[in-house]
């Protein structure tokens, strides 16, 4: 999906916003892939540098610590490897997509709490804009703020943000 260049030109012109460096946060879900397309199109239009971050969240490993059985360490290693592979795959897919469209992004694979890692990158990276995929939470998840990472980042960051559904 490619953003309409005419729309983007008007948007950038109307807001007179200088965009030199964009951070795109990905997690290999559908809404993140749409955000990737948007970020690449905007970077192409503005000539901005694009940085892509994926944070490997060790949250799942907390449950493995509760297993008191033979093979616990192997299970933890397996989960860690799977999460790392998933992150690397998402970043490589983004890299291929961006290069095909003439952009050469910087790729970052971080490990830790996604909120902390993304906010740290925003604070230290000198970004003009952050782009994230966001999905509408439904069912029981909408009752828990902890599931709404885009909103948490938005509330704690002073950088302009765009959310793509």
Foldseek 3Di string as FASTA:
>chain_A
DADDLVVLVVVCVVVVAQFAEEEQEAQPDPLSVVLLRVVLNNCVNRVHAYEYEYEQELVVLVVLVPDPDPCSVVVSVVVVVVSVVSLVVVQVVSQVVNVVVPHHHHYYYHYYDVLVVVLVCLVPPPGQEYEYEFDDDDDPVVVDPVVGSVVSNVVPDPHHYDYGD
